[in-house]
Amino acid sequence: GFSLNLKLRQSSLIKSFRRYSSRTLSEEYRRNEVKARVFSVLKDLGNLSKDTSLEETTSLKETFKFDEESLLSLTMALEEEFLIELQEDKVGLFETPQEAIDHLCQREDAR
């Protein structure tokens, strides 16, 4: 009765937790992968060495001195890296790597 019911509830909770934690880990893994690839693209465009430290909050315009043409190059490089098309209204809207990473993580078609 009660003991069996409690064990079933515990089992159900454990399964729910495992599903949640594995989803969270896979989302975190994907974000880290996207971040690494965005940083690699930025370093290539900015002619920075691979060991240059970047932050997600780095200002693209201030730190990299990106103008509209540079932001367009960044957009094209990200499209090529992730095999997607970014809408024209997204071009130049990324002010920090974090904004690009967040957008790419939300895109299910980004590879």
N, C-alpha and C. Protein backbone atom coordinates (compact mmCIF):
# COMPACT_ATOMS: atom_id res chain seq x y z
N GLY A 1 0.79 -1.18 0.00
CA GLY A 1 0.00 0.00 0.00
C GLY A 1 0.84 1.26 0.00
N PHE A 2 1.00 1.82 1.20
CA PHE A 2 1.67 3.10 1.34
C PHE A 2 3.13 3.04 0.89
N SER A 3 3.85 1.97 1.29
CA SER A 3 5.26 1.81 0.95
C SER A 3 5.45 1.71 -0.56
N LEU A 4 4.61 0.93 -1.22
CA LEU A 4 4.69 0.77 -2.66
C LEU A 4 4.40 2.10 -3.35
N ASN A 5 3.38 2.81 -2.87
CA ASN A 5 3.02 4.11 -3.43
C ASN A 5 4.18 5.10 -3.30
N LEU A 6 4.85 5.11 -2.16
CA LEU A 6 5.99 6.00 -1.93
C LEU A 6 7.14 5.67 -2.87
N LYS A 7 7.40 4.36 -3.05
CA LYS A 7 8.48 3.94 -3.95
C LYS A 7 8.18 4.35 -5.39
N LEU A 8 6.93 4.24 -5.81
CA LEU A 8 6.55 4.64 -7.16
C LEU A 8 6.73 6.14 -7.35
N ARG A 9 6.37 6.93 -6.33
CA ARG A 9 6.53 8.37 -6.42
C ARG A 9 8.01 8.75 -6.47
N GLN A 10 8.84 8.07 -5.64
CA GLN A 10 10.28 8.33 -5.66
C GLN A 10 10.85 7.99 -7.03
N SER A 11 10.46 6.85 -7.57
CA SER A 11 10.93 6.42 -8.88
C SER A 11 10.55 7.44 -9.95
N SER A 12 9.32 7.93 -9.88
CA SER A 12 8.84 8.93 -10.83
C SER A 12 9.64 10.23 -10.70
N LEU A 13 9.89 10.64 -9.47
CA LEU A 13 10.68 11.86 -9.24
C LEU A 13 12.10 11.72 -9.76
N ILE A 14 12.70 10.57 -9.52
CA ILE A 14 14.07 10.33 -9.99
C ILE A 14 14.12 10.37 -11.52
N LYS A 15 13.15 9.73 -12.18
CA LYS A 15 13.12 9.75 -13.64
C LYS A 15 12.94 11.18 -14.16
N SER A 16 12.06 11.96 -13.52
CA SER A 16 11.84 13.34 -13.93
C SER A 16 13.12 14.15 -13.76
N PHE A 17 13.80 13.96 -12.64
CA PHE A 17 15.04 14.69 -12.39
C PHE A 17 16.10 14.33 -13.43
N ARG A 18 16.22 13.05 -13.74
CA ARG A 18 17.22 12.62 -14.73
C ARG A 18 16.93 13.23 -16.10
N ARG A 19 15.64 13.25 -16.49
CA ARG A 19 15.28 13.87 -17.78
C ARG A 19 15.63 15.34 -17.76
N TYR A 20 15.29 16.03 -16.65
CA TYR A 20 15.57 17.46 -16.55
C TYR A 20 17.06 17.72 -16.56
N SER A 21 17.82 16.98 -15.76
CA SER A 21 19.25 17.24 -15.65
C SER A 21 19.97 16.90 -16.95
N SER A 22 19.56 15.86 -17.66
CA SER A 22 20.23 15.54 -18.93
C SER A 22 19.90 16.59 -19.98
N ARG A 23 18.66 17.10 -19.96
CA ARG A 23 18.30 18.17 -20.90
C ARG A 23 19.10 19.42 -20.58
N THR A 24 19.23 19.75 -19.31
CA THR A 24 19.99 20.92 -18.90
C THR A 24 21.46 20.78 -19.30
N LEU A 25 22.01 19.58 -19.09
CA LEU A 25 23.40 19.35 -19.46
C LEU A 25 23.59 19.45 -20.96
N SER A 26 22.65 18.90 -21.74
CA SER A 26 22.80 18.98 -23.19
C SER A 26 22.64 20.41 -23.68
N GLU A 27 21.76 21.19 -23.05
CA GLU A 27 21.62 22.60 -23.42
C GLU A 27 22.90 23.36 -23.08
N GLU A 28 23.48 23.05 -21.92
CA GLU A 28 24.73 23.69 -21.51
C GLU A 28 25.87 23.30 -22.45
N TYR A 29 25.90 22.03 -22.83
CA TYR A 29 26.93 21.56 -23.76
C TYR A 29 26.78 22.29 -25.09
N ARG A 30 25.54 22.39 -25.59
CA ARG A 30 25.30 23.08 -26.86
C ARG A 30 25.72 24.54 -26.78
N ARG A 31 25.38 25.20 -25.69
CA ARG A 31 25.75 26.60 -25.53
C ARG A 31 27.26 26.76 -25.53
N ASN A 32 27.96 25.87 -24.84
CA ASN A 32 29.43 25.95 -24.81
C ASN A 32 30.02 25.72 -26.20
N GLU A 33 29.43 24.80 -26.94
CA GLU A 33 29.90 24.53 -28.31
C GLU A 33 29.67 25.76 -29.20
N VAL A 34 28.47 26.32 -29.13
CA VAL A 34 28.15 27.51 -29.92
C VAL A 34 29.08 28.66 -29.53
N LYS A 35 29.30 28.85 -28.24
CA LYS A 35 30.18 29.92 -27.76
C LYS A 35 31.59 29.75 -28.33
N ALA A 36 32.13 28.55 -28.29
CA ALA A 36 33.48 28.30 -28.80
C ALA A 36 33.56 28.62 -30.29
N ARG A 37 32.54 28.25 -31.03
CA ARG A 37 32.55 28.49 -32.48
C ARG A 37 32.38 29.98 -32.80
N VAL A 38 31.52 30.68 -32.05
CA VAL A 38 31.36 32.13 -32.25
C VAL A 38 32.68 32.84 -31.93
N PHE A 39 33.32 32.47 -30.82
CA PHE A 39 34.60 33.08 -30.46
C PHE A 39 35.66 32.80 -31.52
N SER A 40 35.66 31.61 -32.08
CA SER A 40 36.62 31.27 -33.14
C SER A 40 36.41 32.15 -34.37
N VAL A 41 35.15 32.34 -34.76
CA VAL A 41 34.83 33.21 -35.90
C VAL A 41 35.29 34.64 -35.60
N LEU A 42 35.01 35.12 -34.40
CA LEU A 42 35.41 36.48 -34.03
C LEU A 42 36.93 36.65 -34.06
N LYS A 43 37.63 35.66 -33.55
CA LYS A 43 39.10 35.74 -33.54
C LYS A 43 39.65 35.74 -34.95
N ASP A 44 39.05 34.95 -35.82
CA ASP A 44 39.49 34.94 -37.22
C ASP A 44 39.23 36.29 -37.88
N LEU A 45 38.04 36.85 -37.68
CA LEU A 45 37.71 38.14 -38.29
C LEU A 45 38.53 39.28 -37.72
N GLY A 46 38.82 39.20 -36.42
CA GLY A 46 39.57 40.26 -35.76
C GLY A 46 41.08 40.07 -35.81
N ASN A 47 41.51 39.02 -36.54
CA ASN A 47 42.93 38.69 -36.62
C ASN A 47 43.57 38.57 -35.24
N LEU A 48 42.87 37.88 -34.33
CA LEU A 48 43.37 37.67 -32.98
C LEU A 48 43.95 36.28 -32.87
N SER A 49 44.91 36.11 -31.98
CA SER A 49 45.47 34.78 -31.78
C SER A 49 44.44 33.89 -31.10
N LYS A 50 44.59 32.59 -31.26
CA LYS A 50 43.63 31.62 -30.71
C LYS A 50 43.56 31.69 -29.19
N ASP A 51 44.64 32.12 -28.54
CA ASP A 51 44.64 32.16 -27.07
C ASP A 51 44.25 33.52 -26.50
N THR A 52 43.78 34.43 -27.37
CA THR A 52 43.27 35.71 -26.90
C THR A 52 41.99 35.48 -26.09
N SER A 53 41.91 36.10 -24.94
CA SER A 53 40.74 35.93 -24.07
C SER A 53 39.61 36.85 -24.52
N LEU A 54 38.42 36.27 -24.65
CA LEU A 54 37.23 37.05 -24.98
C LEU A 54 36.17 36.79 -23.92
N GLU A 55 35.31 37.74 -23.73
CA GLU A 55 34.17 37.59 -22.82
C GLU A 55 32.90 37.67 -23.64
N GLU A 56 31.84 37.08 -23.12
CA GLU A 56 30.55 37.15 -23.82
C GLU A 56 30.03 38.58 -23.90
N THR A 57 30.45 39.41 -22.99
CA THR A 57 29.94 40.79 -22.93
C THR A 57 30.85 41.79 -23.66
N THR A 58 31.87 41.29 -24.34
CA THR A 58 32.77 42.15 -25.10
C THR A 58 31.98 42.93 -26.15
N SER A 59 32.19 44.23 -26.22
CA SER A 59 31.50 45.04 -27.22
C SER A 59 32.18 44.85 -28.57
N LEU A 60 31.40 44.42 -29.56
CA LEU A 60 31.95 44.19 -30.89
C LEU A 60 32.40 45.50 -31.53
N LYS A 61 31.62 46.55 -31.33
CA LYS A 61 31.96 47.83 -31.95
C LYS A 61 33.15 48.50 -31.26
N GLU A 62 33.19 48.46 -29.94
CA GLU A 62 34.28 49.12 -29.22
C GLU A 62 35.57 48.32 -29.22
N THR A 63 35.48 47.02 -28.89
CA THR A 63 36.68 46.19 -28.79
C THR A 63 37.26 45.86 -30.16
N PHE A 64 36.39 45.47 -31.09
CA PHE A 64 36.85 45.06 -32.41
C PHE A 64 36.83 46.19 -33.42
N LYS A 65 36.25 47.32 -33.02
CA LYS A 65 36.09 48.45 -33.94
C LYS A 65 35.32 48.05 -35.19
N PHE A 66 34.30 47.18 -34.99
CA PHE A 66 33.49 46.72 -36.10
C PHE A 66 32.58 47.84 -36.58
N ASP A 67 32.60 48.08 -37.89
CA ASP A 67 31.65 49.01 -38.50
C ASP A 67 30.57 48.16 -39.18
N GLU A 68 29.71 48.78 -39.95
CA GLU A 68 28.62 48.04 -40.60
C GLU A 68 29.15 46.95 -41.53
N GLU A 69 30.21 47.26 -42.25
CA GLU A 69 30.80 46.27 -43.17
C GLU A 69 31.37 45.08 -42.39
N SER A 70 32.01 45.36 -41.28
CA SER A 70 32.57 44.29 -40.45
C SER A 70 31.46 43.43 -39.85
N LEU A 71 30.37 44.07 -39.44
CA LEU A 71 29.24 43.32 -38.88
C LEU A 71 28.59 42.45 -39.95
N LEU A 72 28.57 42.95 -41.17
CA LEU A 72 28.04 42.14 -42.28
C LEU A 72 28.96 40.94 -42.52
N SER A 73 30.27 41.16 -42.45
CA SER A 73 31.23 40.05 -42.59
C SER A 73 31.04 39.03 -41.48
N LEU A 74 30.81 39.52 -40.27
CA LEU A 74 30.57 38.64 -39.13
C LEU A 74 29.31 37.80 -39.37
N THR A 75 28.25 38.45 -39.83
CA THR A 75 27.00 37.76 -40.10
C THR A 75 27.21 36.66 -41.14
N MET A 76 27.92 36.99 -42.21
CA MET A 76 28.17 36.01 -43.27
C MET A 76 29.03 34.86 -42.75
N ALA A 77 30.01 35.17 -41.92
CA ALA A 77 30.86 34.12 -41.35
C ALA A 77 30.07 33.21 -40.42
N LEU A 78 29.16 33.79 -39.63
CA LEU A 78 28.31 32.97 -38.75
C LEU A 78 27.35 32.11 -39.56
N GLU A 79 26.81 32.67 -40.64
CA GLU A 79 25.93 31.88 -41.51
C GLU A 79 26.69 30.69 -42.08
N GLU A 80 27.91 30.92 -42.49
CA GLU A 80 28.71 29.84 -43.06
C GLU A 80 29.09 28.81 -41.99
N GLU A 81 29.47 29.28 -40.82
CA GLU A 81 29.87 28.38 -39.73
C GLU A 81 28.73 27.50 -39.26
N PHE A 82 27.52 28.08 -39.16
CA PHE A 82 26.37 27.35 -38.60
C PHE A 82 25.39 26.85 -39.67
N LEU A 83 25.73 27.07 -40.93
CA LEU A 83 24.91 26.61 -42.05
C LEU A 83 23.47 27.09 -41.96
N ILE A 84 23.32 28.38 -41.69
CA ILE A 84 21.99 28.98 -41.59
C ILE A 84 21.98 30.30 -42.34
N GLU A 85 20.80 30.86 -42.50
CA GLU A 85 20.66 32.22 -43.02
C GLU A 85 20.11 33.07 -41.90
N LEU A 86 20.76 34.20 -41.67
CA LEU A 86 20.26 35.14 -40.68
C LEU A 86 19.43 36.18 -41.42
N GLN A 87 18.30 36.50 -40.85
CA GLN A 87 17.43 37.50 -41.48
C GLN A 87 18.16 38.83 -41.54
N GLU A 88 17.84 39.59 -42.58
CA GLU A 88 18.51 40.88 -42.74
C GLU A 88 18.29 41.80 -41.55
N ASP A 89 17.16 41.65 -40.87
CA ASP A 89 16.93 42.52 -39.72
C ASP A 89 17.81 42.13 -38.53
N LYS A 90 18.45 40.95 -38.59
CA LYS A 90 19.37 40.53 -37.53
C LYS A 90 20.80 41.01 -37.80
N VAL A 91 21.07 41.36 -39.05
CA VAL A 91 22.42 41.79 -39.42
C VAL A 91 22.78 43.05 -38.65
N GLY A 92 23.87 43.00 -37.96
CA GLY A 92 24.35 44.17 -37.24
C GLY A 92 23.68 44.39 -35.91
N LEU A 93 22.73 43.53 -35.53
CA LEU A 93 22.06 43.71 -34.25
C LEU A 93 22.84 43.13 -33.08
N PHE A 94 23.80 42.27 -33.38
CA PHE A 94 24.59 41.67 -32.31
C PHE A 94 25.64 42.66 -31.85
N GLU A 95 25.46 43.15 -30.63
CA GLU A 95 26.43 44.10 -30.09
C GLU A 95 27.51 43.40 -29.27
N THR A 96 27.19 42.18 -28.83
CA THR A 96 28.14 41.40 -28.03
C THR A 96 28.11 39.95 -28.52
N PRO A 97 29.15 39.18 -28.24
CA PRO A 97 29.10 37.76 -28.57
C PRO A 97 27.92 37.06 -27.90
N GLN A 98 27.57 37.48 -26.69
CA GLN A 98 26.47 36.85 -25.96
C GLN A 98 25.17 36.93 -26.76
N GLU A 99 24.91 38.05 -27.40
CA GLU A 99 23.68 38.19 -28.19
C GLU A 99 23.69 37.23 -29.38
N ALA A 100 24.83 37.06 -30.01
CA ALA A 100 24.94 36.13 -31.13
C ALA A 100 24.77 34.69 -30.63
N ILE A 101 25.42 34.36 -29.52
CA ILE A 101 25.34 33.01 -28.95
C ILE A 101 23.90 32.69 -28.57
N ASP A 102 23.24 33.62 -27.89
CA ASP A 102 21.84 33.40 -27.49
C ASP A 102 20.95 33.16 -28.71
N HIS A 103 21.14 33.98 -29.74
CA HIS A 103 20.32 33.83 -30.94
C HIS A 103 20.57 32.48 -31.61
N LEU A 104 21.83 32.10 -31.74
CA LEU A 104 22.16 30.84 -32.39
C LEU A 104 21.69 29.63 -31.59
N CYS A 105 21.71 29.72 -30.27
CA CYS A 105 21.23 28.63 -29.42
C CYS A 105 19.73 28.43 -29.56
N GLN A 106 19.02 29.51 -29.85
CA GLN A 106 17.55 29.43 -30.00
C GLN A 106 17.17 28.88 -31.38
N ARG A 107 18.09 28.95 -32.32
CA ARG A 107 17.82 28.48 -33.67
C ARG A 107 18.01 26.97 -33.75
N GLU A 108 16.92 26.24 -33.94
CA GLU A 108 17.02 24.79 -34.04
C GLU A 108 17.69 24.35 -35.32
N ASP A 109 17.69 25.21 -36.34
CA ASP A 109 18.30 24.85 -37.62
C ASP A 109 19.80 25.12 -37.66
N ALA A 110 20.35 25.73 -36.60
CA ALA A 110 21.79 25.98 -36.57
C ALA A 110 22.50 24.67 -36.32
N ARG A 111 23.49 24.37 -37.14
CA ARG A 111 24.22 23.10 -37.01
C ARG A 111 25.59 23.32 -36.45
